[in-house]
């Protein structure tokens, strides 16, 4: 019996110390959880912002490609018109020279 009493006292003291440690660390654990939630929320916002920026960049690239295509088409059309006009003039001069 005598040896069980010190063991029981030691166990009670250890249990009390564990409970005090748990009580002392509970606020820190809650703060850590809140910080983790805030970090996850911030990461989600950053990911959504990055996705929106990528989408905007893609839209700009598509618009630039369309504008470049229109400009090329317009320039090619103008060049064709000038070539056709030059060819007409050459044909007319050749006809005049032949007459």
C-alpha atoms as a PDB file:
ATOM      1  CA  UNK A   1       0.000   0.000   0.000  1.00  0.00           C
ATOM      2  CA  UNK A   2       2.784   2.363   0.841  1.00  0.00           C
ATOM      3  CA  UNK A   3       4.296   2.193  -2.653  1.00  0.00           C
ATOM      4  CA  UNK A   4       0.951   2.767  -4.365  1.00  0.00           C
ATOM      5  CA  UNK A   5       0.292   6.032  -2.535  1.00  0.00           C
ATOM      6  CA  UNK A   6       3.363   7.849  -3.958  1.00  0.00           C
ATOM      7  CA  UNK A   7       2.568   6.482  -7.415  1.00  0.00           C
ATOM      8  CA  UNK A   8      -1.026   7.695  -7.142  1.00  0.00           C
ATOM      9  CA  UNK A   9       0.163  11.127  -5.961  1.00  0.00           C
ATOM     10  CA  UNK A  10       2.656  11.328  -8.803  1.00  0.00           C
ATOM     11  CA  UNK A  11      -0.044  10.326 -11.303  1.00  0.00           C
ATOM     12  CA  UNK A  12      -2.410  12.977  -9.918  1.00  0.00           C
ATOM     13  CA  UNK A  13       0.303  15.640 -10.136  1.00  0.00           C
ATOM     14  CA  UNK A  14       1.207  14.585 -13.686  1.00  0.00           C
ATOM     15  CA  UNK A  15      -2.459  14.673 -14.710  1.00  0.00           C
ATOM     16  CA  UNK A  16      -2.837  18.144 -13.208  1.00  0.00           C
ATOM     17  CA  UNK A  17       0.270  19.337 -15.016  1.00  0.00           C
ATOM     18  CA  UNK A  18      -1.034  17.942 -18.302  1.00  0.00           C
ATOM     19  CA  UNK A  19      -4.385  19.683 -17.798  1.00  0.00           C
ATOM     20  CA  UNK A  20      -2.638  22.977 -17.034  1.00  0.00           C
ATOM     21  CA  UNK A  21      -0.437  22.583 -20.111  1.00  0.00           C
ATOM     22  CA  UNK A  22      -3.484  21.851 -22.253  1.00  0.00           C
ATOM     23  CA  UNK A  23      -5.283  24.891 -20.846  1.00  0.00           C
ATOM     24  CA  UNK A  24      -2.233  27.061 -21.450  1.00  0.00           C
ATOM     25  CA  UNK A  25      -1.721  25.896 -25.044  1.00  0.00           C
ATOM     26  CA  UNK A  26      -5.390  26.007 -26.090  1.00  0.00           C
ATOM     27  CA  UNK A  27      -5.355  29.741 -26.989  1.00  0.00           C
ATOM     28  CA  UNK A  28      -2.157  29.316 -29.009  1.00  0.00           C
ATOM     29  CA  UNK A  29      -3.633  26.353 -30.865  1.00  0.00           C
ATOM     30  CA  UNK A  30      -6.783  28.337 -31.651  1.00  0.00           C
ATOM     31  CA  UNK A  31      -4.680  31.252 -32.901  1.00  0.00           C
ATOM     32  CA  UNK A  32      -2.701  28.856 -35.076  1.00  0.00           C
ATOM     33  CA  UNK A  33      -5.938  27.456 -36.524  1.00  0.00           C
ATOM     34  CA  UNK A  34      -7.230  30.966 -37.241  1.00  0.00           C
ATOM     35  CA  UNK A  35      -3.927  31.918 -38.874  1.00  0.00           C
ATOM     36  CA  UNK A  36      -4.050  28.779 -41.025  1.00  0.00           C
ATOM     37  CA  UNK A  37      -7.633  29.602 -42.088  1.00  0.00           C
ATOM     38  CA  UNK A  38      -6.609  33.179 -42.932  1.00  0.00           C
ATOM     39  CA  UNK A  39      -3.623  31.935 -44.936  1.00  0.00           C
ATOM     40  CA  UNK A  40      -5.828  29.504 -46.837  1.00  0.00           C
ATOM     41  CA  UNK A  41      -8.339  32.273 -47.562  1.00  0.00           C
ATOM     42  CA  UNK A  42      -5.537  34.563 -48.761  1.00  0.00           C
ATOM     43  CA  UNK A  43      -4.145  31.825 -50.975  1.00  0.00           C
ATOM     44  CA  UNK A  44      -7.597  31.262 -52.477  1.00  0.00           C
ATOM     45  CA  UNK A  45      -7.998  34.984 -53.168  1.00  0.00           C
ATOM     46  CA  UNK A  46      -4.528  35.094 -54.739  1.00  0.00           C
ATOM     47  CA  UNK A  47      -5.347  32.081 -56.918  1.00  0.00           C
ATOM     48  CA  UNK A  48      -8.601  33.691 -58.083  1.00  0.00           C
ATOM     49  CA  UNK A  49      -6.742  36.929 -58.830  1.00  0.00           C
ATOM     50  CA  UNK A  50      -4.069  35.068 -60.784  1.00  0.00           C
ATOM     51  CA  UNK A  51      -6.743  33.240 -62.771  1.00  0.00           C
ATOM     52  CA  UNK A  52      -8.500  36.515 -63.553  1.00  0.00           C
ATOM     53  CA  UNK A  53      -5.203  38.091 -64.636  1.00  0.00           C
ATOM     54  CA  UNK A  54      -4.426  35.114 -66.878  1.00  0.00           C
ATOM     55  CA  UNK A  55      -7.880  35.336 -68.420  1.00  0.00           C
ATOM     56  CA  UNK A  56      -7.437  39.066 -69.035  1.00  0.00           C
ATOM     57  CA  UNK A  57      -4.033  38.451 -70.611  1.00  0.00           C
ATOM     58  CA  UNK A  58      -5.544  35.796 -72.865  1.00  0.00           C
ATOM     59  CA  UNK A  59      -8.287  38.220 -73.910  1.00  0.00           C
ATOM     60  CA  UNK A  60      -5.680  40.874 -74.718  1.00  0.00           C
ATOM     61  CA  UNK A  61      -3.673  38.357 -76.738  1.00  0.00           C
ATOM     62  CA  UNK A  62      -6.756  37.324 -78.703  1.00  0.00           C
ATOM     63  CA  UNK A  63      -7.661  40.963 -79.350  1.00  0.00           C
ATOM     64  CA  UNK A  64      -4.091  41.736 -80.445  1.00  0.00           C
ATOM     65  CA  UNK A  65      -4.090  38.724 -82.747  1.00  0.00           C
ATOM     66  CA  UNK A  66      -7.392  39.798 -84.268  1.00  0.00           C
ATOM     67  CA  UNK A  67      -6.127  43.346 -84.758  1.00  0.00           C
ATOM     68  CA  UNK A  68      -2.934  42.076 -86.363  1.00  0.00           C
ATOM     69  CA  UNK A  69      -4.962  39.834 -88.652  1.00  0.00           C
ATOM     70  CA  UNK A  70      -7.181  42.745 -89.687  1.00  0.00           C
ATOM     71  CA  UNK A  71      -4.163  44.973 -90.268  1.00  0.00           C
ATOM     72  CA  UNK A  72      -2.447  42.291 -92.369  1.00  0.00           C
ATOM     73  CA  UNK A  73      -5.618  41.693 -94.356  1.00  0.00           C
ATOM     74  CA  UNK A  74      -6.102  45.418 -94.937  1.00  0.00           C
ATOM     75  CA  UNK A  75      -2.465  45.889 -95.944  1.00  0.00           C
ATOM     76  CA  UNK A  76      -2.575  42.899 -98.267  1.00  0.00           C
ATOM     77  CA  UNK A  77      -5.790  44.199 -99.805  1.00  0.00           C
ATOM     78  CA  UNK A  78      -4.252  47.618-100.384  1.00  0.00           C
ATOM     79  CA  UNK A  79      -1.150  46.046-101.912  1.00  0.00           C
ATOM     80  CA  UNK A  80      -3.317  43.945-104.218  1.00  0.00           C
ATOM     81  CA  UNK A  81      -5.267  47.022-105.271  1.00  0.00           C
ATOM     82  CA  UNK A  82      -2.050  48.894-106.085  1.00  0.00           C
ATOM     83  CA  UNK A  83      -0.718  45.878-108.014  1.00  0.00           C
ATOM     84  CA  UNK A  84      -3.925  45.539-110.012  1.00  0.00           C
ATOM     85  CA  UNK A  85      -3.913  49.256-110.806  1.00  0.00           C
ATOM     86  CA  UNK A  86      -0.265  49.095-111.905  1.00  0.00           C
ATOM     87  CA  UNK A  87      -1.047  46.090-114.093  1.00  0.00           C
ATOM     88  CA  UNK A  88      -3.989  47.957-115.697  1.00  0.00           C
ATOM     89  CA  UNK A  89      -1.767  50.921-116.420  1.00  0.00           C
ATOM     90  CA  UNK A  90       0.869  48.629-117.942  1.00  0.00           C
ATOM     91  CA  UNK A  91      -1.758  46.929-120.133  1.00  0.00           C
ATOM     92  CA  UNK A  92      -3.152  50.297-121.230  1.00  0.00           C
ATOM     93  CA  UNK A  93       0.337  51.550-122.117  1.00  0.00           C
ATOM     94  CA  UNK A  94       1.039  48.349-124.028  1.00  0.00           C
ATOM     95  CA  UNK A  95      -2.226  48.784-125.974  1.00  0.00           C
ATOM     96  CA  UNK A  96      -1.386  52.384-126.741  1.00  0.00           C
ATOM     97  CA  UNK A  97       2.059  51.393-127.879  1.00  0.00           C
ATOM     98  CA  UNK A  98       0.601  48.638-130.051  1.00  0.00           C
ATOM     99  CA  UNK A  99      -1.805  51.071-131.781  1.00  0.00           C
END
